[in-house]
Amino acid sequence: MLVPSGLTIVRPHVVRGAYRSQWTRRRGLPRARACRRGPSRAEADRRRPGRASSEALQSPEEKAYIGWIRRYILFHGKRHPRELGAVEATRFLTALAVDAKVSGSTQNQALAALLFLYREVVRVELPWLDDLVRARRPRRLPVVLSRDEVCAVIAQLAGTPKLMACLLYGAGLRLLECARLRVKDIDFEASHIVVRAGKGDKDRITVLPRIVREPLRRHLERARGLHEHDVASGAGWVELPGSLGRKYPNAAREWAWQWVFPATRLYRDHETGQHRRHHLHETVLQRAVRNAVRAAGITKPAGCHTFRHSFATHLLEDGYDIRTVQELLGHRDVTTTMIYTHVLNRGPGAVRSPADLLAKGSGGRHRHRRCASPPSLHGSPSQSSAAPGEHLMSHNRVLLRAFPTCGTRSLAVIYGRGSQGQTRYTEPSKYR
């Protein structure tokens, strides 16, 4: 297994280098003489060209693991991980939960980093941590924007961030899933997007909003011109997943494998020497959305992932089946999707407070009224007062306000009734 370059911090000579400044001050030696023991960081970067750029392009998982390994070594007084074991790992993880009061997901990430360190780098198997104090995992409700708030945020965006934000909301994509889209994953004919290696390394198919098709086509034309210019100048390579680059050496230059949202600058890969173009960094969209939320005057703590929450909630509001929403989101368990039902007037939202009836009665005598029961998720379309196709367009109307010149023809699902009255969903491609 390929070990990230940043994990070399656990090597003995690098760990010993952490004592260099203390060793110099203790013995009163001149700093220039102590630095002769090894090259400086600038010299090392010059000897290994491309290392600085490769470290900047590390995945978020690699950066998180390296950060936890460093904290683990510093927590135990810069001792080498080979000298530490299950007792020290338990003490570190327990201190995170008790003293630092981190969340359960943060503690699990630190545990995964330590398991990777001992299993893949130190080559030592840690026993089961029986005395580990687990952090609590509280149940939190997601932040959801209304349709008008989504329009207000998207209206504050422009250019590529606006197009990416519309895909986050219109297709329910995660931030990195949108940034890592490749040209071959966009199917304009079938009106869907193939998400490759999403969360849990799973693939899924989600809807491509028809309202963003023309802006996306124009964006791909500009991206193709940039790719052709890179190829003409001797660059044009792109990172391929796994070992696909060894199997197909020329595939990294093909247009189908290029990023949908390429970065503005090239970098040189230190292993192959190729001049590649990475995808647009996720912080560009995060910063743009944060400024747009602030400019729209929205006080909710909204971010890029809020568009995904709003996508699921608005689909459930429009009457789509929860299992369909589960497949579009890529959830393994339907209970994860059930958290979005908190805005559907179920539970406390459907209860009418008796205090609201006080103003309508007199003398303390009030007639008890039965509140209208909310529509069921799995109910028949005939039980609802609205027509089966009345809410089909409401989700894409939000995107239509963002792109008013693209027309109003957007049909994602065609309703039908089965033999037993259940709701049936059919892709529009089958009706062409």
Protein backbone atom coordinates (compact mmCIF):
# COMPACT_ATOMS: atom_id res chain seq x y z
CA MET A 1 0.00 0.00 0.00
CA LEU A 2 1.28 3.43 -0.91
CA VAL A 3 2.17 5.39 2.23
CA PRO A 4 1.69 9.18 1.94
CA SER A 5 4.87 11.20 1.96
CA GLY A 6 3.86 13.09 5.06
CA LEU A 7 3.85 9.89 7.12
CA THR A 8 7.65 9.81 7.07
CA ILE A 9 7.47 11.82 10.28
CA VAL A 10 7.62 8.55 12.20
CA ARG A 11 11.02 7.58 10.82
CA PRO A 12 13.82 7.61 13.41
CA HIS A 13 16.00 10.25 11.78
CA VAL A 14 13.07 12.63 11.41
CA VAL A 15 11.93 12.09 15.01
CA ARG A 16 15.49 12.71 16.21
CA GLY A 17 15.49 15.89 14.20
CA ALA A 18 12.75 17.21 16.45
CA TYR A 19 15.31 17.42 19.27
CA ARG A 20 17.81 19.37 17.17
CA SER A 21 16.95 22.84 18.47
CA GLN A 22 16.92 21.67 22.12
CA TRP A 23 20.20 19.73 21.66
CA THR A 24 21.84 22.83 20.18
CA ARG A 25 20.72 25.16 22.94
CA ARG A 26 21.70 22.70 25.67
CA ARG A 27 25.28 22.34 24.46
CA GLY A 28 25.71 25.93 23.31
CA LEU A 29 26.82 24.88 19.81
CA PRO A 30 26.45 27.34 16.96
CA ARG A 31 23.31 26.78 14.91
CA ALA A 32 25.23 26.61 11.63
CA ARG A 33 27.25 23.62 12.88
CA ALA A 34 24.14 21.77 14.06
CA CYS A 35 22.40 22.26 10.75
CA ARG A 36 25.13 20.31 8.97
CA ARG A 37 23.57 17.08 10.22
CA GLY A 38 21.00 17.23 7.45
CA PRO A 39 19.72 19.41 4.62
CA SER A 40 17.28 22.19 5.36
CA ARG A 41 13.68 21.98 4.22
CA ALA A 42 14.33 24.38 1.35
CA GLU A 43 17.31 22.31 0.19
CA ALA A 44 15.28 19.11 0.43
CA ASP A 45 12.52 20.66 -1.68
CA ARG A 46 15.07 21.72 -4.30
CA ARG A 47 16.58 18.23 -4.40
CA ARG A 48 13.16 16.65 -4.78
CA PRO A 49 11.28 18.91 -7.19
CA GLY A 50 7.52 18.73 -6.97
CA ARG A 51 7.38 17.64 -3.34
CA ALA A 52 5.99 20.94 -2.10
CA SER A 53 3.27 20.87 -4.74
CA SER A 54 2.46 17.22 -4.04
CA GLU A 55 2.08 17.92 -0.33
CA ALA A 56 -0.26 20.78 -1.16
CA LEU A 57 -2.36 18.39 -3.26
CA GLN A 58 -2.70 15.72 -0.59
CA SER A 59 -6.20 14.47 0.03
CA PRO A 60 -8.07 15.66 3.12
CA GLU A 61 -7.82 12.15 4.57
CA GLU A 62 -4.02 12.16 4.29
CA LYS A 63 -3.75 15.59 5.87
CA ALA A 64 -6.04 14.57 8.72
CA TYR A 65 -4.11 11.34 9.39
CA ILE A 66 -0.77 13.17 9.40
CA GLY A 67 -2.14 15.75 11.81
CA TRP A 68 -3.39 13.12 14.26
CA ILE A 69 -0.11 11.18 14.11
CA ARG A 70 1.81 14.34 14.93
CA ARG A 71 -0.48 15.12 17.86
CA TYR A 72 -0.10 11.53 19.09
CA ILE A 73 3.72 11.78 19.07
CA LEU A 74 3.73 15.18 20.76
CA PHE A 75 1.22 14.00 23.37
CA HIS A 76 3.70 11.34 24.54
CA GLY A 77 6.74 13.61 24.64
CA LYS A 78 7.98 12.94 21.09
CA ARG A 79 8.57 9.27 21.73
CA HIS A 80 8.78 6.99 18.73
CA PRO A 81 5.56 5.07 17.97
CA ARG A 82 7.47 1.76 18.23
CA GLU A 83 7.99 2.52 21.93
CA LEU A 84 4.26 3.11 22.40
CA GLY A 85 1.46 0.59 22.45
CA ALA A 86 -2.18 0.03 23.24
CA VAL A 87 -1.96 1.67 26.67
CA GLU A 88 -0.56 4.90 25.24
CA ALA A 89 -3.06 4.89 22.37
CA THR A 90 -5.93 4.42 24.83
CA ARG A 91 -4.63 7.25 26.99
CA PHE A 92 -4.40 9.60 23.99
CA LEU A 93 -7.88 8.79 22.68
CA THR A 94 -9.43 9.02 26.14
CA ALA A 95 -7.85 12.42 26.67
CA LEU A 96 -9.48 13.60 23.46
CA ALA A 97 -12.92 12.62 24.76
CA VAL A 98 -12.52 13.66 28.41
CA ASP A 99 -10.19 16.67 28.32
CA ALA A 100 -10.57 18.05 24.79
CA LYS A 101 -14.29 17.10 24.66
CA VAL A 102 -14.17 16.25 20.98
CA SER A 103 -17.12 14.70 19.15
CA GLY A 104 -17.50 11.02 18.45
CA SER A 105 -16.62 11.38 14.76
CA THR A 106 -13.41 13.26 15.65
CA GLN A 107 -12.35 10.53 18.05
CA ASN A 108 -13.09 7.86 15.45
CA GLN A 109 -10.94 9.71 12.93
CA ALA A 110 -8.04 9.84 15.40
CA LEU A 111 -8.47 6.12 16.08
CA ALA A 112 -8.41 5.34 12.35
CA ALA A 113 -5.21 7.39 11.97
CA LEU A 114 -3.49 5.45 14.78
CA LEU A 115 -4.60 2.11 13.33
CA PHE A 116 -3.19 3.13 9.95
CA LEU A 117 0.07 4.23 11.58
CA TYR A 118 0.66 0.95 13.38
CA ARG A 119 -0.69 -1.33 10.67
CA GLU A 120 0.83 0.21 7.54
CA VAL A 121 3.90 2.13 8.78
CA VAL A 122 5.16 0.56 12.02
CA ARG A 123 3.84 -2.91 11.02
CA VAL A 124 2.49 -3.66 14.49
CA GLU A 125 -1.03 -4.85 15.23
CA LEU A 126 -2.69 -3.03 18.11
CA PRO A 127 -4.88 -5.15 20.41
CA TRP A 128 -8.47 -4.25 21.18
CA LEU A 129 -8.70 -1.06 23.23
CA ASP A 130 -10.99 -2.24 26.02
CA ASP A 131 -10.46 0.69 28.40
CA LEU A 132 -11.13 3.37 25.81
CA VAL A 133 -13.62 6.05 26.89
CA ARG A 134 -15.83 6.78 23.90
CA ALA A 135 -17.04 10.28 23.09
CA ARG A 136 -20.76 10.78 22.84
CA ARG A 137 -22.36 11.18 19.45
CA PRO A 138 -25.29 13.58 19.87
CA ARG A 139 -28.11 13.62 17.38
CA ARG A 140 -28.08 16.85 15.41
CA LEU A 141 -30.64 18.12 12.94
CA PRO A 142 -29.29 19.31 9.58
CA VAL A 143 -29.38 22.95 8.55
CA VAL A 144 -31.86 23.38 5.68
CA LEU A 145 -32.42 26.44 3.54
CA SER A 146 -35.82 27.33 2.16
CA ARG A 147 -36.31 27.64 -1.58
CA ASP A 148 -36.20 31.43 -1.43
CA GLU A 149 -33.01 31.29 0.63
CA VAL A 150 -31.40 28.96 -1.90
CA CYS A 151 -32.29 31.42 -4.66
CA ALA A 152 -30.86 34.30 -2.64
CA VAL A 153 -27.56 32.50 -2.06
CA ILE A 154 -27.15 31.34 -5.67
CA ALA A 155 -27.96 34.85 -6.91
CA GLN A 156 -24.92 36.14 -5.03
CA LEU A 157 -22.59 33.72 -6.86
CA ALA A 158 -21.09 34.03 -10.31
CA GLY A 159 -19.01 31.98 -12.72
CA THR A 160 -17.79 28.51 -11.84
CA PRO A 161 -18.80 28.67 -8.12
CA LYS A 162 -22.37 29.44 -9.19
CA LEU A 163 -22.47 26.43 -11.51
CA MET A 164 -21.00 24.16 -8.84
CA ALA A 165 -23.47 25.41 -6.23
CA CYS A 166 -26.35 24.66 -8.59
CA LEU A 167 -25.05 21.11 -8.98
CA LEU A 168 -24.75 20.73 -5.22
CA TYR A 169 -28.40 21.69 -4.82
CA GLY A 170 -29.82 20.26 -8.04
CA ALA A 171 -28.11 16.85 -7.82
CA GLY A 172 -27.48 16.47 -4.08
CA LEU A 173 -23.72 16.17 -4.49
CA ARG A 174 -21.17 16.43 -1.74
CA LEU A 175 -18.47 19.05 -2.05
CA LEU A 176 -15.64 16.76 -3.15
CA GLU A 177 -17.99 14.70 -5.32
CA CYS A 178 -18.72 17.85 -7.30
CA ALA A 179 -15.09 18.95 -7.46
CA ARG A 180 -13.91 15.50 -8.63
CA LEU A 181 -16.40 15.12 -11.45
CA ARG A 182 -14.85 14.02 -14.74
CA VAL A 183 -16.12 14.72 -18.22
CA LYS A 184 -17.10 11.10 -18.83
CA ASP A 185 -19.36 11.13 -15.73
CA ILE A 186 -21.76 13.70 -17.25
CA ASP A 187 -24.44 12.11 -19.43
CA PHE A 188 -26.47 14.81 -21.17
CA GLU A 189 -28.62 12.34 -23.13
CA ALA A 190 -29.78 10.36 -20.10
CA SER A 191 -29.83 13.48 -17.89
CA HIS A 192 -27.88 11.92 -15.05
CA ILE A 193 -24.52 12.18 -13.30
CA VAL A 194 -22.44 9.17 -12.30
CA VAL A 195 -20.72 9.78 -8.97
CA ARG A 196 -17.52 7.71 -8.82
CA ALA A 197 -15.94 6.59 -5.54
CA GLY A 198 -18.19 8.64 -3.30
CA LYS A 199 -18.40 8.34 0.45
CA GLY A 200 -17.62 4.74 1.40
CA ASP A 201 -15.98 4.24 -2.04
CA LYS A 202 -19.40 3.66 -3.60
CA ASP A 203 -20.70 4.64 -7.03
CA ARG A 204 -24.19 5.96 -7.62
CA ILE A 205 -26.32 7.74 -10.22
CA THR A 206 -28.06 11.01 -9.50
CA VAL A 207 -30.12 13.41 -11.57
CA LEU A 208 -28.62 16.08 -13.82
CA PRO A 209 -30.85 19.18 -13.61
CA ARG A 210 -31.95 20.16 -17.07
CA ILE A 211 -31.79 23.78 -16.01
CA VAL A 212 -27.98 23.66 -15.79
CA ARG A 213 -27.36 21.68 -18.96
CA GLU A 214 -26.68 24.65 -21.26
CA PRO A 215 -24.43 26.50 -18.77
CA LEU A 216 -22.58 23.23 -18.17
CA ARG A 217 -22.10 22.69 -21.91
CA ARG A 218 -20.60 26.15 -22.32
CA HIS A 219 -18.35 25.55 -19.32
CA LEU A 220 -17.10 22.25 -20.81
CA GLU A 221 -16.33 24.00 -24.10
CA ARG A 222 -14.09 26.46 -22.29
CA ALA A 223 -12.48 23.63 -20.30
CA ARG A 224 -11.80 21.69 -23.51
CA GLY A 225 -10.07 24.70 -25.04
CA LEU A 226 -7.88 24.94 -21.95
CA HIS A 227 -7.06 21.22 -22.20
CA GLU A 228 -6.12 21.49 -25.87
CA HIS A 229 -3.82 24.39 -25.06
CA ASP A 230 -2.16 22.28 -22.32
CA VAL A 231 -1.64 19.37 -24.70
CA ALA A 232 -0.11 21.63 -27.31
CA SER A 233 2.35 22.97 -24.72
CA GLY A 234 3.43 19.48 -23.58
CA ALA A 235 1.14 19.18 -20.58
CA GLY A 236 -2.49 18.04 -20.42
CA TRP A 237 -2.04 15.13 -18.01
CA VAL A 238 -4.47 14.36 -15.21
CA GLU A 239 -4.34 12.06 -12.20
CA LEU A 240 -6.01 8.69 -12.76
CA PRO A 241 -7.56 6.54 -10.04
CA GLY A 242 -5.63 3.55 -8.73
CA SER A 243 -3.21 1.87 -11.10
CA LEU A 244 -5.17 2.83 -14.20
CA GLY A 245 -2.30 5.01 -15.37
CA ARG A 246 0.00 1.97 -15.71
CA LYS A 247 -2.63 -0.02 -17.56
CA TYR A 248 -3.54 2.79 -19.96
CA PRO A 249 -0.52 5.13 -20.20
CA ASN A 250 -2.17 7.56 -22.62
CA ALA A 251 -5.55 7.75 -20.91
CA ALA A 252 -4.41 10.58 -18.65
CA ARG A 253 -4.34 12.91 -21.66
CA GLU A 254 -7.74 11.97 -23.05
CA TRP A 255 -10.55 14.50 -22.81
CA ALA A 256 -12.95 12.03 -21.19
CA TRP A 257 -10.75 11.72 -18.09
CA GLN A 258 -10.28 15.46 -17.54
CA TRP A 259 -11.82 17.27 -14.58
CA VAL A 260 -15.09 19.08 -15.19
CA PHE A 261 -13.86 21.92 -12.98
CA PRO A 262 -10.09 22.19 -13.61
CA ALA A 263 -7.74 24.33 -11.57
CA THR A 264 -6.22 27.50 -12.97
CA ARG A 265 -2.57 26.41 -12.57
CA LEU A 266 -0.46 23.41 -13.50
CA TYR A 267 1.79 21.37 -11.22
CA ARG A 268 4.59 18.90 -11.82
CA ASP A 269 4.18 15.40 -10.42
CA HIS A 270 7.42 14.40 -8.68
CA GLU A 271 6.98 10.67 -9.43
CA THR A 272 6.23 10.78 -13.16
CA GLY A 273 7.49 14.26 -14.07
CA GLN A 274 4.21 15.00 -15.85
CA HIS A 275 2.74 18.49 -15.89
CA ARG A 276 -0.78 17.95 -14.62
CA ARG A 277 -3.81 20.05 -13.83
CA HIS A 278 -5.65 19.33 -10.61
CA HIS A 279 -9.35 19.93 -10.06
CA LEU A 280 -10.52 23.20 -8.58
CA HIS A 281 -9.70 23.28 -4.90
CA GLU A 282 -12.69 22.84 -2.65
CA THR A 283 -11.83 25.91 -0.59
CA VAL A 284 -12.65 28.13 -3.58
CA LEU A 285 -16.29 27.08 -3.48
CA GLN A 286 -16.41 27.07 0.32
CA ARG A 287 -15.18 30.65 0.48
CA ALA A 288 -17.58 31.78 -2.26
CA VAL A 289 -20.61 30.16 -0.59
CA ARG A 290 -19.70 31.59 2.80
CA ASN A 291 -19.50 35.10 1.34
CA ALA A 292 -22.75 34.57 -0.58
CA VAL A 293 -24.61 33.48 2.56
CA ARG A 294 -23.33 36.55 4.38
CA ALA A 295 -24.25 38.85 1.47
CA ALA A 296 -27.76 37.35 1.27
CA GLY A 297 -28.38 38.25 4.93
CA ILE A 298 -29.03 34.66 6.02
CA THR A 299 -28.28 33.98 9.67
CA LYS A 300 -28.28 30.19 9.40
CA PRO A 301 -24.86 28.49 9.61
CA ALA A 302 -25.09 27.41 5.98
CA GLY A 303 -22.29 26.01 3.87
CA CYS A 304 -21.76 23.86 0.81
CA HIS A 305 -23.21 20.74 2.44
CA THR A 306 -26.38 22.69 3.28
CA PHE A 307 -27.34 22.50 -0.40
CA ARG A 308 -27.35 18.69 -0.13
CA HIS A 309 -29.57 18.86 2.96
CA SER A 310 -31.93 21.23 1.15
CA PHE A 311 -32.00 18.95 -1.91
CA ALA A 312 -33.20 15.97 0.15
CA THR A 313 -35.67 17.98 2.21
CA HIS A 314 -37.29 19.68 -0.76
CA LEU A 315 -37.68 16.39 -2.61
CA LEU A 316 -39.47 14.89 0.37
CA GLU A 317 -41.65 17.98 0.60
CA ASP A 318 -42.61 17.51 -3.06
CA GLY A 319 -43.86 14.00 -2.36
CA TYR A 320 -40.99 11.86 -3.63
CA ASP A 321 -40.59 8.46 -2.03
CA ILE A 322 -37.97 8.30 0.69
CA ARG A 323 -36.31 5.25 -0.89
CA THR A 324 -35.83 7.22 -4.10
CA VAL A 325 -34.21 10.05 -2.15
CA GLN A 326 -32.02 7.48 -0.38
CA GLU A 327 -30.69 6.19 -3.71
CA LEU A 328 -30.03 9.70 -5.01
CA LEU A 329 -28.10 10.61 -1.86
CA GLY A 330 -26.18 7.31 -1.73
CA HIS A 331 -27.13 6.47 1.86
CA ARG A 332 -26.51 2.89 2.89
CA ASP A 333 -29.35 2.86 5.44
CA VAL A 334 -32.72 4.51 5.08
CA THR A 335 -32.56 5.66 8.70
CA THR A 336 -29.93 8.18 7.62
CA THR A 337 -32.38 9.64 5.12
CA MET A 338 -35.17 9.72 7.70
CA ILE A 339 -33.50 12.64 9.46
CA TYR A 340 -34.76 14.93 6.69
CA THR A 341 -38.39 14.29 7.63
CA HIS A 342 -38.16 16.80 10.50
CA VAL A 343 -39.41 19.58 8.23
CA LEU A 344 -42.38 17.66 6.79
CA ASN A 345 -44.81 18.58 9.58
CA ARG A 346 -44.36 15.21 11.22
CA GLY A 347 -43.90 14.85 14.93
CA PRO A 348 -43.96 18.12 16.91
CA GLY A 349 -44.53 20.17 13.75
CA ALA A 350 -47.96 18.56 13.21
CA VAL A 351 -49.20 19.15 16.76
CA ARG A 352 -51.43 22.15 17.35
CA SER A 353 -50.79 23.80 20.69
CA PRO A 354 -53.86 24.18 22.93
CA ALA A 355 -52.72 27.74 23.63
CA ASP A 356 -53.63 28.64 20.05
CA LEU A 357 -57.30 27.74 20.75
CA LEU A 358 -57.68 30.02 23.78
CA ALA A 359 -58.48 33.07 21.69
CA LYS A 360 -61.24 31.23 19.81
CA GLY A 361 -63.26 30.06 22.84
CA SER A 362 -65.15 31.76 25.63
CA GLY A 363 -65.80 30.90 29.27
CA GLY A 364 -63.16 28.24 29.29
CA ARG A 365 -65.23 25.94 27.06
CA HIS A 366 -63.64 24.98 23.80
CA ARG A 367 -64.50 22.50 21.14
CA HIS A 368 -61.79 20.00 20.45
CA ARG A 369 -60.86 20.00 16.82
CA ARG A 370 -58.97 17.32 15.08
CA CYS A 371 -56.02 18.62 13.11
CA ALA A 372 -55.67 17.48 9.55
CA SER A 373 -53.22 14.63 9.45
CA PRO A 374 -50.11 15.22 7.35
CA PRO A 375 -49.75 13.25 4.14
CA SER A 376 -47.97 9.95 4.49
CA LEU A 377 -44.65 9.30 2.80
CA HIS A 378 -45.83 6.00 1.43
CA GLY A 379 -49.43 7.02 0.81
CA SER A 380 -51.23 6.79 -2.49
CA PRO A 381 -51.31 9.86 -4.75
CA SER A 382 -55.11 9.72 -4.60
CA GLN A 383 -55.04 10.54 -0.89
CA SER A 384 -53.44 13.95 -1.50
CA SER A 385 -55.39 17.01 -2.52
CA ALA A 386 -52.76 17.99 -5.06
CA ALA A 387 -52.47 16.45 -8.47
CA PRO A 388 -49.75 13.81 -8.91
CA GLY A 389 -47.65 16.04 -11.16
CA GLU A 390 -48.28 19.34 -9.41
CA HIS A 391 -44.98 19.40 -7.48
CA LEU A 392 -42.77 17.97 -10.22
CA MET A 393 -41.40 21.33 -11.31
CA SER A 394 -41.02 23.02 -7.93
CA HIS A 395 -37.49 21.74 -7.26
CA ASN A 396 -36.11 22.91 -10.59
CA ARG A 397 -37.93 26.25 -10.39
CA VAL A 398 -35.31 27.27 -7.86
CA LEU A 399 -32.57 26.61 -10.38
CA LEU A 400 -34.60 28.29 -13.09
CA ARG A 401 -34.36 31.56 -11.20
CA ALA A 402 -30.59 31.14 -11.17
CA PHE A 403 -30.47 30.45 -14.93
CA PRO A 404 -33.53 32.23 -16.39
CA THR A 405 -32.41 31.87 -20.00
CA CYS A 406 -32.42 28.08 -20.13
CA GLY A 407 -36.15 27.52 -20.59
CA THR A 408 -38.68 25.74 -18.42
CA ARG A 409 -38.61 22.22 -19.82
CA SER A 410 -37.35 20.10 -16.94
CA LEU A 411 -38.96 16.77 -16.15
CA ALA A 412 -37.03 14.49 -13.83
CA VAL A 413 -39.68 11.93 -12.90
CA ILE A 414 -42.94 10.83 -14.47
CA TYR A 415 -45.65 9.78 -12.04
CA GLY A 416 -47.77 6.74 -12.59
CA ARG A 417 -49.98 4.48 -10.54
CA GLY A 418 -49.37 0.80 -10.11
CA SER A 419 -51.97 -1.93 -9.96
CA GLN A 420 -52.28 -1.55 -6.18
CA GLY A 421 -52.37 2.25 -6.09
CA GLN A 422 -48.70 2.77 -5.22
CA THR A 423 -46.63 5.58 -6.69
CA ARG A 424 -44.38 4.54 -9.53
CA TYR A 425 -41.37 6.43 -10.87
CA THR A 426 -40.09 6.16 -14.42
CA GLU A 427 -37.10 7.86 -15.99
CA PRO A 428 -38.06 10.28 -18.76
CA SER A 429 -35.65 8.62 -21.18
CA LYS A 430 -38.08 5.69 -21.43
CA TYR A 431 -40.79 8.02 -22.71
CA ARG A 432 -38.79 9.45 -25.59
